PDBML (XML) file of the C-alpha atoms, coordinates in Angstrom:
<?xml version="1.0" encoding="UTF-8" ?>
<PDBx:datablock datablockName="MODEL"
   xmlns:PDBx="http://pdbml.pdb.org/schema/pdbx-v50.xsd"
   xmlns:xsi="http://www.w3.org/2001/XMLSchema-instance"
   xsi:schemaLocation="http://pdbml.pdb.org/schema/pdbx-v50.xsd pdbx-v50.xsd">
   <PDBx:atom_siteCategory>
      <PDBx:atom_site id="1">
         <PDBx:B_iso_or_equiv>0.00</PDBx:B_iso_or_equiv>
         <PDBx:Cartn_x>4.060</PDBx:Cartn_x>
         <PDBx:Cartn_y>-7.213</PDBx:Cartn_y>
         <PDBx:Cartn_z>17.218</PDBx:Cartn_z>
         <PDBx:auth_asym_id>A</PDBx:auth_asym_id>
         <PDBx:auth_atom_id>CA</PDBx:auth_atom_id>
         <PDBx:auth_comp_id>GLY</PDBx:auth_comp_id>
         <PDBx:auth_seq_id>1</PDBx:auth_seq_id>
         <PDBx:group_PDB>ATOM</PDBx:group_PDB>
         <PDBx:label_alt_id xsi:nil="true" />
         <PDBx:label_asym_id>A</PDBx:label_asym_id>
         <PDBx:label_atom_id>CA</PDBx:label_atom_id>
         <PDBx:label_comp_id>GLY</PDBx:label_comp_id>
         <PDBx:label_entity_id>1</PDBx:label_entity_id>
         <PDBx:label_seq_id>1</PDBx:label_seq_id>
         <PDBx:occupancy>1.00</PDBx:occupancy>
         <PDBx:pdbx_PDB_model_num>1</PDBx:pdbx_PDB_model_num>
         <PDBx:type_symbol>C</PDBx:type_symbol>
      </PDBx:atom_site>
      <PDBx:atom_site id="2">
         <PDBx:B_iso_or_equiv>0.00</PDBx:B_iso_or_equiv>
         <PDBx:Cartn_x>4.775</PDBx:Cartn_x>
         <PDBx:Cartn_y>-7.114</PDBx:Cartn_y>
         <PDBx:Cartn_z>13.911</PDBx:Cartn_z>
         <PDBx:auth_asym_id>A</PDBx:auth_asym_id>
         <PDBx:auth_atom_id>CA</PDBx:auth_atom_id>
         <PDBx:auth_comp_id>GLY</PDBx:auth_comp_id>
         <PDBx:auth_seq_id>2</PDBx:auth_seq_id>
         <PDBx:group_PDB>ATOM</PDBx:group_PDB>
         <PDBx:label_alt_id xsi:nil="true" />
         <PDBx:label_asym_id>A</PDBx:label_asym_id>
         <PDBx:label_atom_id>CA</PDBx:label_atom_id>
         <PDBx:label_comp_id>GLY</PDBx:label_comp_id>
         <PDBx:label_entity_id>1</PDBx:label_entity_id>
         <PDBx:label_seq_id>2</PDBx:label_seq_id>
         <PDBx:occupancy>1.00</PDBx:occupancy>
         <PDBx:pdbx_PDB_model_num>1</PDBx:pdbx_PDB_model_num>
         <PDBx:type_symbol>C</PDBx:type_symbol>
      </PDBx:atom_site>
      <PDBx:atom_site id="3">
         <PDBx:B_iso_or_equiv>0.00</PDBx:B_iso_or_equiv>
         <PDBx:Cartn_x>2.498</PDBx:Cartn_x>
         <PDBx:Cartn_y>-4.925</PDBx:Cartn_y>
         <PDBx:Cartn_z>11.322</PDBx:Cartn_z>
         <PDBx:auth_asym_id>A</PDBx:auth_asym_id>
         <PDBx:auth_atom_id>CA</PDBx:auth_atom_id>
         <PDBx:auth_comp_id>TYR</PDBx:auth_comp_id>
         <PDBx:auth_seq_id>3</PDBx:auth_seq_id>
         <PDBx:group_PDB>ATOM</PDBx:group_PDB>
         <PDBx:label_alt_id xsi:nil="true" />
         <PDBx:label_asym_id>A</PDBx:label_asym_id>
         <PDBx:label_atom_id>CA</PDBx:label_atom_id>
         <PDBx:label_comp_id>TYR</PDBx:label_comp_id>
         <PDBx:label_entity_id>1</PDBx:label_entity_id>
         <PDBx:label_seq_id>3</PDBx:label_seq_id>
         <PDBx:occupancy>1.00</PDBx:occupancy>
         <PDBx:pdbx_PDB_model_num>1</PDBx:pdbx_PDB_model_num>
         <PDBx:type_symbol>C</PDBx:type_symbol>
      </PDBx:atom_site>
      <PDBx:atom_site id="4">
         <PDBx:B_iso_or_equiv>0.00</PDBx:B_iso_or_equiv>
         <PDBx:Cartn_x>1.806</PDBx:Cartn_x>
         <PDBx:Cartn_y>-4.238</PDBx:Cartn_y>
         <PDBx:Cartn_z>7.262</PDBx:Cartn_z>
         <PDBx:auth_asym_id>A</PDBx:auth_asym_id>
         <PDBx:auth_atom_id>CA</PDBx:auth_atom_id>
         <PDBx:auth_comp_id>PHE</PDBx:auth_comp_id>
         <PDBx:auth_seq_id>4</PDBx:auth_seq_id>
         <PDBx:group_PDB>ATOM</PDBx:group_PDB>
         <PDBx:label_alt_id xsi:nil="true" />
         <PDBx:label_asym_id>A</PDBx:label_asym_id>
         <PDBx:label_atom_id>CA</PDBx:label_atom_id>
         <PDBx:label_comp_id>PHE</PDBx:label_comp_id>
         <PDBx:label_entity_id>1</PDBx:label_entity_id>
         <PDBx:label_seq_id>4</PDBx:label_seq_id>
         <PDBx:occupancy>1.00</PDBx:occupancy>
         <PDBx:pdbx_PDB_model_num>1</PDBx:pdbx_PDB_model_num>
         <PDBx:type_symbol>C</PDBx:type_symbol>
      </PDBx:atom_site>
      <PDBx:atom_site id="5">
         <PDBx:B_iso_or_equiv>0.00</PDBx:B_iso_or_equiv>
         <PDBx:Cartn_x>1.521</PDBx:Cartn_x>
         <PDBx:Cartn_y>-0.454</PDBx:Cartn_y>
         <PDBx:Cartn_z>6.852</PDBx:Cartn_z>
         <PDBx:auth_asym_id>A</PDBx:auth_asym_id>
         <PDBx:auth_atom_id>CA</PDBx:auth_atom_id>
         <PDBx:auth_comp_id>ARG</PDBx:auth_comp_id>
         <PDBx:auth_seq_id>5</PDBx:auth_seq_id>
         <PDBx:group_PDB>ATOM</PDBx:group_PDB>
         <PDBx:label_alt_id xsi:nil="true" />
         <PDBx:label_asym_id>A</PDBx:label_asym_id>
         <PDBx:label_atom_id>CA</PDBx:label_atom_id>
         <PDBx:label_comp_id>ARG</PDBx:label_comp_id>
         <PDBx:label_entity_id>1</PDBx:label_entity_id>
         <PDBx:label_seq_id>5</PDBx:label_seq_id>
         <PDBx:occupancy>1.00</PDBx:occupancy>
         <PDBx:pdbx_PDB_model_num>1</PDBx:pdbx_PDB_model_num>
         <PDBx:type_symbol>C</PDBx:type_symbol>
      </PDBx:atom_site>
      <PDBx:atom_site id="6">
         <PDBx:B_iso_or_equiv>0.00</PDBx:B_iso_or_equiv>
         <PDBx:Cartn_x>1.394</PDBx:Cartn_x>
         <PDBx:Cartn_y>1.075</PDBx:Cartn_y>
         <PDBx:Cartn_z>2.943</PDBx:Cartn_z>
         <PDBx:auth_asym_id>A</PDBx:auth_asym_id>
         <PDBx:auth_atom_id>CA</PDBx:auth_atom_id>
         <PDBx:auth_comp_id>LEU</PDBx:auth_comp_id>
         <PDBx:auth_seq_id>6</PDBx:auth_seq_id>
         <PDBx:group_PDB>ATOM</PDBx:group_PDB>
         <PDBx:label_alt_id xsi:nil="true" />
         <PDBx:label_asym_id>A</PDBx:label_asym_id>
         <PDBx:label_atom_id>CA</PDBx:label_atom_id>
         <PDBx:label_comp_id>LEU</PDBx:label_comp_id>
         <PDBx:label_entity_id>1</PDBx:label_entity_id>
         <PDBx:label_seq_id>6</PDBx:label_seq_id>
         <PDBx:occupancy>1.00</PDBx:occupancy>
         <PDBx:pdbx_PDB_model_num>1</PDBx:pdbx_PDB_model_num>
         <PDBx:type_symbol>C</PDBx:type_symbol>
      </PDBx:atom_site>
      <PDBx:atom_site id="7">
         <PDBx:B_iso_or_equiv>0.00</PDBx:B_iso_or_equiv>
         <PDBx:Cartn_x>2.724</PDBx:Cartn_x>
         <PDBx:Cartn_y>4.784</PDBx:Cartn_y>
         <PDBx:Cartn_z>3.521</PDBx:Cartn_z>
         <PDBx:auth_asym_id>A</PDBx:auth_asym_id>
         <PDBx:auth_atom_id>CA</PDBx:auth_atom_id>
         <PDBx:auth_comp_id>PRO</PDBx:auth_comp_id>
         <PDBx:auth_seq_id>7</PDBx:auth_seq_id>
         <PDBx:group_PDB>ATOM</PDBx:group_PDB>
         <PDBx:label_alt_id xsi:nil="true" />
         <PDBx:label_asym_id>A</PDBx:label_asym_id>
         <PDBx:label_atom_id>CA</PDBx:label_atom_id>
         <PDBx:label_comp_id>PRO</PDBx:label_comp_id>
         <PDBx:label_entity_id>1</PDBx:label_entity_id>
         <PDBx:label_seq_id>7</PDBx:label_seq_id>
         <PDBx:occupancy>1.00</PDBx:occupancy>
         <PDBx:pdbx_PDB_model_num>1</PDBx:pdbx_PDB_model_num>
         <PDBx:type_symbol>C</PDBx:type_symbol>
      </PDBx:atom_site>
      <PDBx:atom_site id="8">
         <PDBx:B_iso_or_equiv>0.00</PDBx:B_iso_or_equiv>
         <PDBx:Cartn_x>2.352</PDBx:Cartn_x>
         <PDBx:Cartn_y>5.912</PDBx:Cartn_y>
         <PDBx:Cartn_z>-0.286</PDBx:Cartn_z>
         <PDBx:auth_asym_id>A</PDBx:auth_asym_id>
         <PDBx:auth_atom_id>CA</PDBx:auth_atom_id>
         <PDBx:auth_comp_id>GLU</PDBx:auth_comp_id>
         <PDBx:auth_seq_id>8</PDBx:auth_seq_id>
         <PDBx:group_PDB>ATOM</PDBx:group_PDB>
         <PDBx:label_alt_id xsi:nil="true" />
         <PDBx:label_asym_id>A</PDBx:label_asym_id>
         <PDBx:label_atom_id>CA</PDBx:label_atom_id>
         <PDBx:label_comp_id>GLU</PDBx:label_comp_id>
         <PDBx:label_entity_id>1</PDBx:label_entity_id>
         <PDBx:label_seq_id>8</PDBx:label_seq_id>
         <PDBx:occupancy>1.00</PDBx:occupancy>
         <PDBx:pdbx_PDB_model_num>1</PDBx:pdbx_PDB_model_num>
         <PDBx:type_symbol>C</PDBx:type_symbol>
      </PDBx:atom_site>
      <PDBx:atom_site id="9">
         <PDBx:B_iso_or_equiv>0.00</PDBx:B_iso_or_equiv>
         <PDBx:Cartn_x>-0.826</PDBx:Cartn_x>
         <PDBx:Cartn_y>7.218</PDBx:Cartn_y>
         <PDBx:Cartn_z>-0.487</PDBx:Cartn_z>
         <PDBx:auth_asym_id>A</PDBx:auth_asym_id>
         <PDBx:auth_atom_id>CA</PDBx:auth_atom_id>
         <PDBx:auth_comp_id>VAL</PDBx:auth_comp_id>
         <PDBx:auth_seq_id>9</PDBx:auth_seq_id>
         <PDBx:group_PDB>ATOM</PDBx:group_PDB>
         <PDBx:label_alt_id xsi:nil="true" />
         <PDBx:label_asym_id>A</PDBx:label_asym_id>
         <PDBx:label_atom_id>CA</PDBx:label_atom_id>
         <PDBx:label_comp_id>VAL</PDBx:label_comp_id>
         <PDBx:label_entity_id>1</PDBx:label_entity_id>
         <PDBx:label_seq_id>9</PDBx:label_seq_id>
         <PDBx:occupancy>1.00</PDBx:occupancy>
         <PDBx:pdbx_PDB_model_num>1</PDBx:pdbx_PDB_model_num>
         <PDBx:type_symbol>C</PDBx:type_symbol>
      </PDBx:atom_site>
      <PDBx:atom_site id="10">
         <PDBx:B_iso_or_equiv>0.00</PDBx:B_iso_or_equiv>
         <PDBx:Cartn_x>-0.039</PDBx:Cartn_x>
         <PDBx:Cartn_y>9.996</PDBx:Cartn_y>
         <PDBx:Cartn_z>2.724</PDBx:Cartn_z>
         <PDBx:auth_asym_id>A</PDBx:auth_asym_id>
         <PDBx:auth_atom_id>CA</PDBx:auth_atom_id>
         <PDBx:auth_comp_id>PRO</PDBx:auth_comp_id>
         <PDBx:auth_seq_id>10</PDBx:auth_seq_id>
         <PDBx:group_PDB>ATOM</PDBx:group_PDB>
         <PDBx:label_alt_id xsi:nil="true" />
         <PDBx:label_asym_id>A</PDBx:label_asym_id>
         <PDBx:label_atom_id>CA</PDBx:label_atom_id>
         <PDBx:label_comp_id>PRO</PDBx:label_comp_id>
         <PDBx:label_entity_id>1</PDBx:label_entity_id>
         <PDBx:label_seq_id>10</PDBx:label_seq_id>
         <PDBx:occupancy>1.00</PDBx:occupancy>
         <PDBx:pdbx_PDB_model_num>1</PDBx:pdbx_PDB_model_num>
         <PDBx:type_symbol>C</PDBx:type_symbol>
      </PDBx:atom_site>
      <PDBx:atom_site id="11">
         <PDBx:B_iso_or_equiv>0.00</PDBx:B_iso_or_equiv>
         <PDBx:Cartn_x>2.988</PDBx:Cartn_x>
         <PDBx:Cartn_y>10.508</PDBx:Cartn_y>
         <PDBx:Cartn_z>0.427</PDBx:Cartn_z>
         <PDBx:auth_asym_id>A</PDBx:auth_asym_id>
         <PDBx:auth_atom_id>CA</PDBx:auth_atom_id>
         <PDBx:auth_comp_id>LEU</PDBx:auth_comp_id>
         <PDBx:auth_seq_id>11</PDBx:auth_seq_id>
         <PDBx:group_PDB>ATOM</PDBx:group_PDB>
         <PDBx:label_alt_id xsi:nil="true" />
         <PDBx:label_asym_id>A</PDBx:label_asym_id>
         <PDBx:label_atom_id>CA</PDBx:label_atom_id>
         <PDBx:label_comp_id>LEU</PDBx:label_comp_id>
         <PDBx:label_entity_id>1</PDBx:label_entity_id>
         <PDBx:label_seq_id>11</PDBx:label_seq_id>
         <PDBx:occupancy>1.00</PDBx:occupancy>
         <PDBx:pdbx_PDB_model_num>1</PDBx:pdbx_PDB_model_num>
         <PDBx:type_symbol>C</PDBx:type_symbol>
      </PDBx:atom_site>
      <PDBx:atom_site id="12">
         <PDBx:B_iso_or_equiv>0.00</PDBx:B_iso_or_equiv>
         <PDBx:Cartn_x>1.351</PDBx:Cartn_x>
         <PDBx:Cartn_y>12.219</PDBx:Cartn_y>
         <PDBx:Cartn_z>-2.208</PDBx:Cartn_z>
         <PDBx:auth_asym_id>A</PDBx:auth_asym_id>
         <PDBx:auth_atom_id>CA</PDBx:auth_atom_id>
         <PDBx:auth_comp_id>GLY</PDBx:auth_comp_id>
         <PDBx:auth_seq_id>12</PDBx:auth_seq_id>
         <PDBx:group_PDB>ATOM</PDBx:group_PDB>
         <PDBx:label_alt_id xsi:nil="true" />
         <PDBx:label_asym_id>A</PDBx:label_asym_id>
         <PDBx:label_atom_id>CA</PDBx:label_atom_id>
         <PDBx:label_comp_id>GLY</PDBx:label_comp_id>
         <PDBx:label_entity_id>1</PDBx:label_entity_id>
         <PDBx:label_seq_id>12</PDBx:label_seq_id>
         <PDBx:occupancy>1.00</PDBx:occupancy>
         <PDBx:pdbx_PDB_model_num>1</PDBx:pdbx_PDB_model_num>
         <PDBx:type_symbol>C</PDBx:type_symbol>
      </PDBx:atom_site>
      <PDBx:atom_site id="13">
         <PDBx:B_iso_or_equiv>0.00</PDBx:B_iso_or_equiv>
         <PDBx:Cartn_x>1.589</PDBx:Cartn_x>
         <PDBx:Cartn_y>8.793</PDBx:Cartn_y>
         <PDBx:Cartn_z>-5.040</PDBx:Cartn_z>
         <PDBx:auth_asym_id>A</PDBx:auth_asym_id>
         <PDBx:auth_atom_id>CA</PDBx:auth_atom_id>
         <PDBx:auth_comp_id>ILE</PDBx:auth_comp_id>
         <PDBx:auth_seq_id>13</PDBx:auth_seq_id>
         <PDBx:group_PDB>ATOM</PDBx:group_PDB>
         <PDBx:label_alt_id xsi:nil="true" />
         <PDBx:label_asym_id>A</PDBx:label_asym_id>
         <PDBx:label_atom_id>CA</PDBx:label_atom_id>
         <PDBx:label_comp_id>ILE</PDBx:label_comp_id>
         <PDBx:label_entity_id>1</PDBx:label_entity_id>
         <PDBx:label_seq_id>13</PDBx:label_seq_id>
         <PDBx:occupancy>1.00</PDBx:occupancy>
         <PDBx:pdbx_PDB_model_num>1</PDBx:pdbx_PDB_model_num>
         <PDBx:type_symbol>C</PDBx:type_symbol>
      </PDBx:atom_site>
      <PDBx:atom_site id="14">
         <PDBx:B_iso_or_equiv>0.00</PDBx:B_iso_or_equiv>
         <PDBx:Cartn_x>-1.293</PDBx:Cartn_x>
         <PDBx:Cartn_y>6.552</PDBx:Cartn_y>
         <PDBx:Cartn_z>-5.944</PDBx:Cartn_z>
         <PDBx:auth_asym_id>A</PDBx:auth_asym_id>
         <PDBx:auth_atom_id>CA</PDBx:auth_atom_id>
         <PDBx:auth_comp_id>ASN</PDBx:auth_comp_id>
         <PDBx:auth_seq_id>14</PDBx:auth_seq_id>
         <PDBx:group_PDB>ATOM</PDBx:group_PDB>
         <PDBx:label_alt_id xsi:nil="true" />
         <PDBx:label_asym_id>A</PDBx:label_asym_id>
         <PDBx:label_atom_id>CA</PDBx:label_atom_id>
         <PDBx:label_comp_id>ASN</PDBx:label_comp_id>
         <PDBx:label_entity_id>1</PDBx:label_entity_id>
         <PDBx:label_seq_id>14</PDBx:label_seq_id>
         <PDBx:occupancy>1.00</PDBx:occupancy>
         <PDBx:pdbx_PDB_model_num>1</PDBx:pdbx_PDB_model_num>
         <PDBx:type_symbol>C</PDBx:type_symbol>
      </PDBx:atom_site>
      <PDBx:atom_site id="15">
         <PDBx:B_iso_or_equiv>0.00</PDBx:B_iso_or_equiv>
         <PDBx:Cartn_x>-0.093</PDBx:Cartn_x>
         <PDBx:Cartn_y>2.169</PDBx:Cartn_y>
         <PDBx:Cartn_z>-4.509</PDBx:Cartn_z>
         <PDBx:auth_asym_id>A</PDBx:auth_asym_id>
         <PDBx:auth_atom_id>CA</PDBx:auth_atom_id>
         <PDBx:auth_comp_id>MET</PDBx:auth_comp_id>
         <PDBx:auth_seq_id>15</PDBx:auth_seq_id>
         <PDBx:group_PDB>ATOM</PDBx:group_PDB>
         <PDBx:label_alt_id xsi:nil="true" />
         <PDBx:label_asym_id>A</PDBx:label_asym_id>
         <PDBx:label_atom_id>CA</PDBx:label_atom_id>
         <PDBx:label_comp_id>MET</PDBx:label_comp_id>
         <PDBx:label_entity_id>1</PDBx:label_entity_id>
         <PDBx:label_seq_id>15</PDBx:label_seq_id>
         <PDBx:occupancy>1.00</PDBx:occupancy>
         <PDBx:pdbx_PDB_model_num>1</PDBx:pdbx_PDB_model_num>
         <PDBx:type_symbol>C</PDBx:type_symbol>
      </PDBx:atom_site>
      <PDBx:atom_site id="16">
         <PDBx:B_iso_or_equiv>0.00</PDBx:B_iso_or_equiv>
         <PDBx:Cartn_x>1.175</PDBx:Cartn_x>
         <PDBx:Cartn_y>0.478</PDBx:Cartn_y>
         <PDBx:Cartn_z>-6.912</PDBx:Cartn_z>
         <PDBx:auth_asym_id>A</PDBx:auth_asym_id>
         <PDBx:auth_atom_id>CA</PDBx:auth_atom_id>
         <PDBx:auth_comp_id>SER</PDBx:auth_comp_id>
         <PDBx:auth_seq_id>16</PDBx:auth_seq_id>
         <PDBx:group_PDB>ATOM</PDBx:group_PDB>
         <PDBx:label_alt_id xsi:nil="true" />
         <PDBx:label_asym_id>A</PDBx:label_asym_id>
         <PDBx:label_atom_id>CA</PDBx:label_atom_id>
         <PDBx:label_comp_id>SER</PDBx:label_comp_id>
         <PDBx:label_entity_id>1</PDBx:label_entity_id>
         <PDBx:label_seq_id>16</PDBx:label_seq_id>
         <PDBx:occupancy>1.00</PDBx:occupancy>
         <PDBx:pdbx_PDB_model_num>1</PDBx:pdbx_PDB_model_num>
         <PDBx:type_symbol>C</PDBx:type_symbol>
      </PDBx:atom_site>
      <PDBx:atom_site id="17">
         <PDBx:B_iso_or_equiv>0.00</PDBx:B_iso_or_equiv>
         <PDBx:Cartn_x>3.070</PDBx:Cartn_x>
         <PDBx:Cartn_y>-3.177</PDBx:Cartn_y>
         <PDBx:Cartn_z>-8.014</PDBx:Cartn_z>
         <PDBx:auth_asym_id>A</PDBx:auth_asym_id>
         <PDBx:auth_atom_id>CA</PDBx:auth_atom_id>
         <PDBx:auth_comp_id>TRP</PDBx:auth_comp_id>
         <PDBx:auth_seq_id>17</PDBx:auth_seq_id>
         <PDBx:group_PDB>ATOM</PDBx:group_PDB>
         <PDBx:label_alt_id xsi:nil="true" />
         <PDBx:label_asym_id>A</PDBx:label_asym_id>
         <PDBx:label_atom_id>CA</PDBx:label_atom_id>
         <PDBx:label_comp_id>TRP</PDBx:label_comp_id>
         <PDBx:label_entity_id>1</PDBx:label_entity_id>
         <PDBx:label_seq_id>17</PDBx:label_seq_id>
         <PDBx:occupancy>1.00</PDBx:occupancy>
         <PDBx:pdbx_PDB_model_num>1</PDBx:pdbx_PDB_model_num>
         <PDBx:type_symbol>C</PDBx:type_symbol>
      </PDBx:atom_site>
      <PDBx:atom_site id="18">
         <PDBx:B_iso_or_equiv>0.00</PDBx:B_iso_or_equiv>
         <PDBx:Cartn_x>0.140</PDBx:Cartn_x>
         <PDBx:Cartn_y>-4.498</PDBx:Cartn_y>
         <PDBx:Cartn_z>-9.108</PDBx:Cartn_z>
         <PDBx:auth_asym_id>A</PDBx:auth_asym_id>
         <PDBx:auth_atom_id>CA</PDBx:auth_atom_id>
         <PDBx:auth_comp_id>ARG</PDBx:auth_comp_id>
         <PDBx:auth_seq_id>18</PDBx:auth_seq_id>
         <PDBx:group_PDB>ATOM</PDBx:group_PDB>
         <PDBx:label_alt_id xsi:nil="true" />
         <PDBx:label_asym_id>A</PDBx:label_asym_id>
         <PDBx:label_atom_id>CA</PDBx:label_atom_id>
         <PDBx:label_comp_id>ARG</PDBx:label_comp_id>
         <PDBx:label_entity_id>1</PDBx:label_entity_id>
         <PDBx:label_seq_id>18</PDBx:label_seq_id>
         <PDBx:occupancy>1.00</PDBx:occupancy>
         <PDBx:pdbx_PDB_model_num>1</PDBx:pdbx_PDB_model_num>
         <PDBx:type_symbol>C</PDBx:type_symbol>
      </PDBx:atom_site>
      <PDBx:atom_site id="19">
         <PDBx:B_iso_or_equiv>0.00</PDBx:B_iso_or_equiv>
         <PDBx:Cartn_x>-1.067</PDBx:Cartn_x>
         <PDBx:Cartn_y>-5.150</PDBx:Cartn_y>
         <PDBx:Cartn_z>-4.899</PDBx:Cartn_z>
         <PDBx:auth_asym_id>A</PDBx:auth_asym_id>
         <PDBx:auth_atom_id>CA</PDBx:auth_atom_id>
         <PDBx:auth_comp_id>SER</PDBx:auth_comp_id>
         <PDBx:auth_seq_id>19</PDBx:auth_seq_id>
         <PDBx:group_PDB>ATOM</PDBx:group_PDB>
         <PDBx:label_alt_id xsi:nil="true" />
         <PDBx:label_asym_id>A</PDBx:label_asym_id>
         <PDBx:label_atom_id>CA</PDBx:label_atom_id>
         <PDBx:label_comp_id>SER</PDBx:label_comp_id>
         <PDBx:label_entity_id>1</PDBx:label_entity_id>
         <PDBx:label_seq_id>19</PDBx:label_seq_id>
         <PDBx:occupancy>1.00</PDBx:occupancy>
         <PDBx:pdbx_PDB_model_num>1</PDBx:pdbx_PDB_model_num>
         <PDBx:type_symbol>C</PDBx:type_symbol>
      </PDBx:atom_site>
      <PDBx:atom_site id="20">
         <PDBx:B_iso_or_equiv>0.00</PDBx:B_iso_or_equiv>
         <PDBx:Cartn_x>-4.597</PDBx:Cartn_x>
         <PDBx:Cartn_y>-4.211</PDBx:Cartn_y>
         <PDBx:Cartn_z>-4.950</PDBx:Cartn_z>
         <PDBx:auth_asym_id>A</PDBx:auth_asym_id>
         <PDBx:auth_atom_id>CA</PDBx:auth_atom_id>
         <PDBx:auth_comp_id>ILE</PDBx:auth_comp_id>
         <PDBx:auth_seq_id>20</PDBx:auth_seq_id>
         <PDBx:group_PDB>ATOM</PDBx:group_PDB>
         <PDBx:label_alt_id xsi:nil="true" />
         <PDBx:label_asym_id>A</PDBx:label_asym_id>
         <PDBx:label_atom_id>CA</PDBx:label_atom_id>
         <PDBx:label_comp_id>ILE</PDBx:label_comp_id>
         <PDBx:label_entity_id>1</PDBx:label_entity_id>
         <PDBx:label_seq_id>20</PDBx:label_seq_id>
         <PDBx:occupancy>1.00</PDBx:occupancy>
         <PDBx:pdbx_PDB_model_num>1</PDBx:pdbx_PDB_model_num>
         <PDBx:type_symbol>C</PDBx:type_symbol>
      </PDBx:atom_site>
      <PDBx:atom_site id="21">
         <PDBx:B_iso_or_equiv>0.00</PDBx:B_iso_or_equiv>
         <PDBx:Cartn_x>-6.235</PDBx:Cartn_x>
         <PDBx:Cartn_y>-6.343</PDBx:Cartn_y>
         <PDBx:Cartn_z>-6.231</PDBx:Cartn_z>
         <PDBx:auth_asym_id>A</PDBx:auth_asym_id>
         <PDBx:auth_atom_id>CA</PDBx:auth_atom_id>
         <PDBx:auth_comp_id>PRO</PDBx:auth_comp_id>
         <PDBx:auth_seq_id>21</PDBx:auth_seq_id>
         <PDBx:group_PDB>ATOM</PDBx:group_PDB>
         <PDBx:label_alt_id xsi:nil="true" />
         <PDBx:label_asym_id>A</PDBx:label_asym_id>
         <PDBx:label_atom_id>CA</PDBx:label_atom_id>
         <PDBx:label_comp_id>PRO</PDBx:label_comp_id>
         <PDBx:label_entity_id>1</PDBx:label_entity_id>
         <PDBx:label_seq_id>21</PDBx:label_seq_id>
         <PDBx:occupancy>1.00</PDBx:occupancy>
         <PDBx:pdbx_PDB_model_num>1</PDBx:pdbx_PDB_model_num>
         <PDBx:type_symbol>C</PDBx:type_symbol>
      </PDBx:atom_site>
      <PDBx:atom_site id="22">
         <PDBx:B_iso_or_equiv>0.00</PDBx:B_iso_or_equiv>
         <PDBx:Cartn_x>-3.995</PDBx:Cartn_x>
         <PDBx:Cartn_y>-8.764</PDBx:Cartn_y>
         <PDBx:Cartn_z>-4.056</PDBx:Cartn_z>
         <PDBx:auth_asym_id>A</PDBx:auth_asym_id>
         <PDBx:auth_atom_id>CA</PDBx:auth_atom_id>
         <PDBx:auth_comp_id>ARG</PDBx:auth_comp_id>
         <PDBx:auth_seq_id>22</PDBx:auth_seq_id>
         <PDBx:group_PDB>ATOM</PDBx:group_PDB>
         <PDBx:label_alt_id xsi:nil="true" />
         <PDBx:label_asym_id>A</PDBx:label_asym_id>
         <PDBx:label_atom_id>CA</PDBx:label_atom_id>
         <PDBx:label_comp_id>ARG</PDBx:label_comp_id>
         <PDBx:label_entity_id>1</PDBx:label_entity_id>
         <PDBx:label_seq_id>22</PDBx:label_seq_id>
         <PDBx:occupancy>1.00</PDBx:occupancy>
         <PDBx:pdbx_PDB_model_num>1</PDBx:pdbx_PDB_model_num>
         <PDBx:type_symbol>C</PDBx:type_symbol>
      </PDBx:atom_site>
      <PDBx:atom_site id="23">
         <PDBx:B_iso_or_equiv>0.00</PDBx:B_iso_or_equiv>
         <PDBx:Cartn_x>-4.867</PDBx:Cartn_x>
         <PDBx:Cartn_y>-7.024</PDBx:Cartn_y>
         <PDBx:Cartn_z>-1.330</PDBx:Cartn_z>
         <PDBx:auth_asym_id>A</PDBx:auth_asym_id>
         <PDBx:auth_atom_id>CA</PDBx:auth_atom_id>
         <PDBx:auth_comp_id>ILE</PDBx:auth_comp_id>
         <PDBx:auth_seq_id>23</PDBx:auth_seq_id>
         <PDBx:group_PDB>ATOM</PDBx:group_PDB>
         <PDBx:label_alt_id xsi:nil="true" />
         <PDBx:label_asym_id>A</PDBx:label_asym_id>
         <PDBx:label_atom_id>CA</PDBx:label_atom_id>
         <PDBx:label_comp_id>ILE</PDBx:label_comp_id>
         <PDBx:label_entity_id>1</PDBx:label_entity_id>
         <PDBx:label_seq_id>23</PDBx:label_seq_id>
         <PDBx:occupancy>1.00</PDBx:occupancy>
         <PDBx:pdbx_PDB_model_num>1</PDBx:pdbx_PDB_model_num>
         <PDBx:type_symbol>C</PDBx:type_symbol>
      </PDBx:atom_site>
      <PDBx:atom_site id="24">
         <PDBx:B_iso_or_equiv>0.00</PDBx:B_iso_or_equiv>
         <PDBx:Cartn_x>-8.432</PDBx:Cartn_x>
         <PDBx:Cartn_y>-6.592</PDBx:Cartn_y>
         <PDBx:Cartn_z>-2.206</PDBx:Cartn_z>
         <PDBx:auth_asym_id>A</PDBx:auth_asym_id>
         <PDBx:auth_atom_id>CA</PDBx:auth_atom_id>
         <PDBx:auth_comp_id>THR</PDBx:auth_comp_id>
         <PDBx:auth_seq_id>24</PDBx:auth_seq_id>
         <PDBx:group_PDB>ATOM</PDBx:group_PDB>
         <PDBx:label_alt_id xsi:nil="true" />
         <PDBx:label_asym_id>A</PDBx:label_asym_id>
         <PDBx:label_atom_id>CA</PDBx:label_atom_id>
         <PDBx:label_comp_id>THR</PDBx:label_comp_id>
         <PDBx:label_entity_id>1</PDBx:label_entity_id>
         <PDBx:label_seq_id>24</PDBx:label_seq_id>
         <PDBx:occupancy>1.00</PDBx:occupancy>
         <PDBx:pdbx_PDB_model_num>1</PDBx:pdbx_PDB_model_num>
         <PDBx:type_symbol>C</PDBx:type_symbol>
      </PDBx:atom_site>
   </PDBx:atom_siteCategory>
</PDBx:datablock>
């Protein structure tokens, strides 16, 4: 029942916090 979601791009901003390399 848990889930991950990143709302940033639909809000109009980039996903930051240096997280994209970790996710990739």
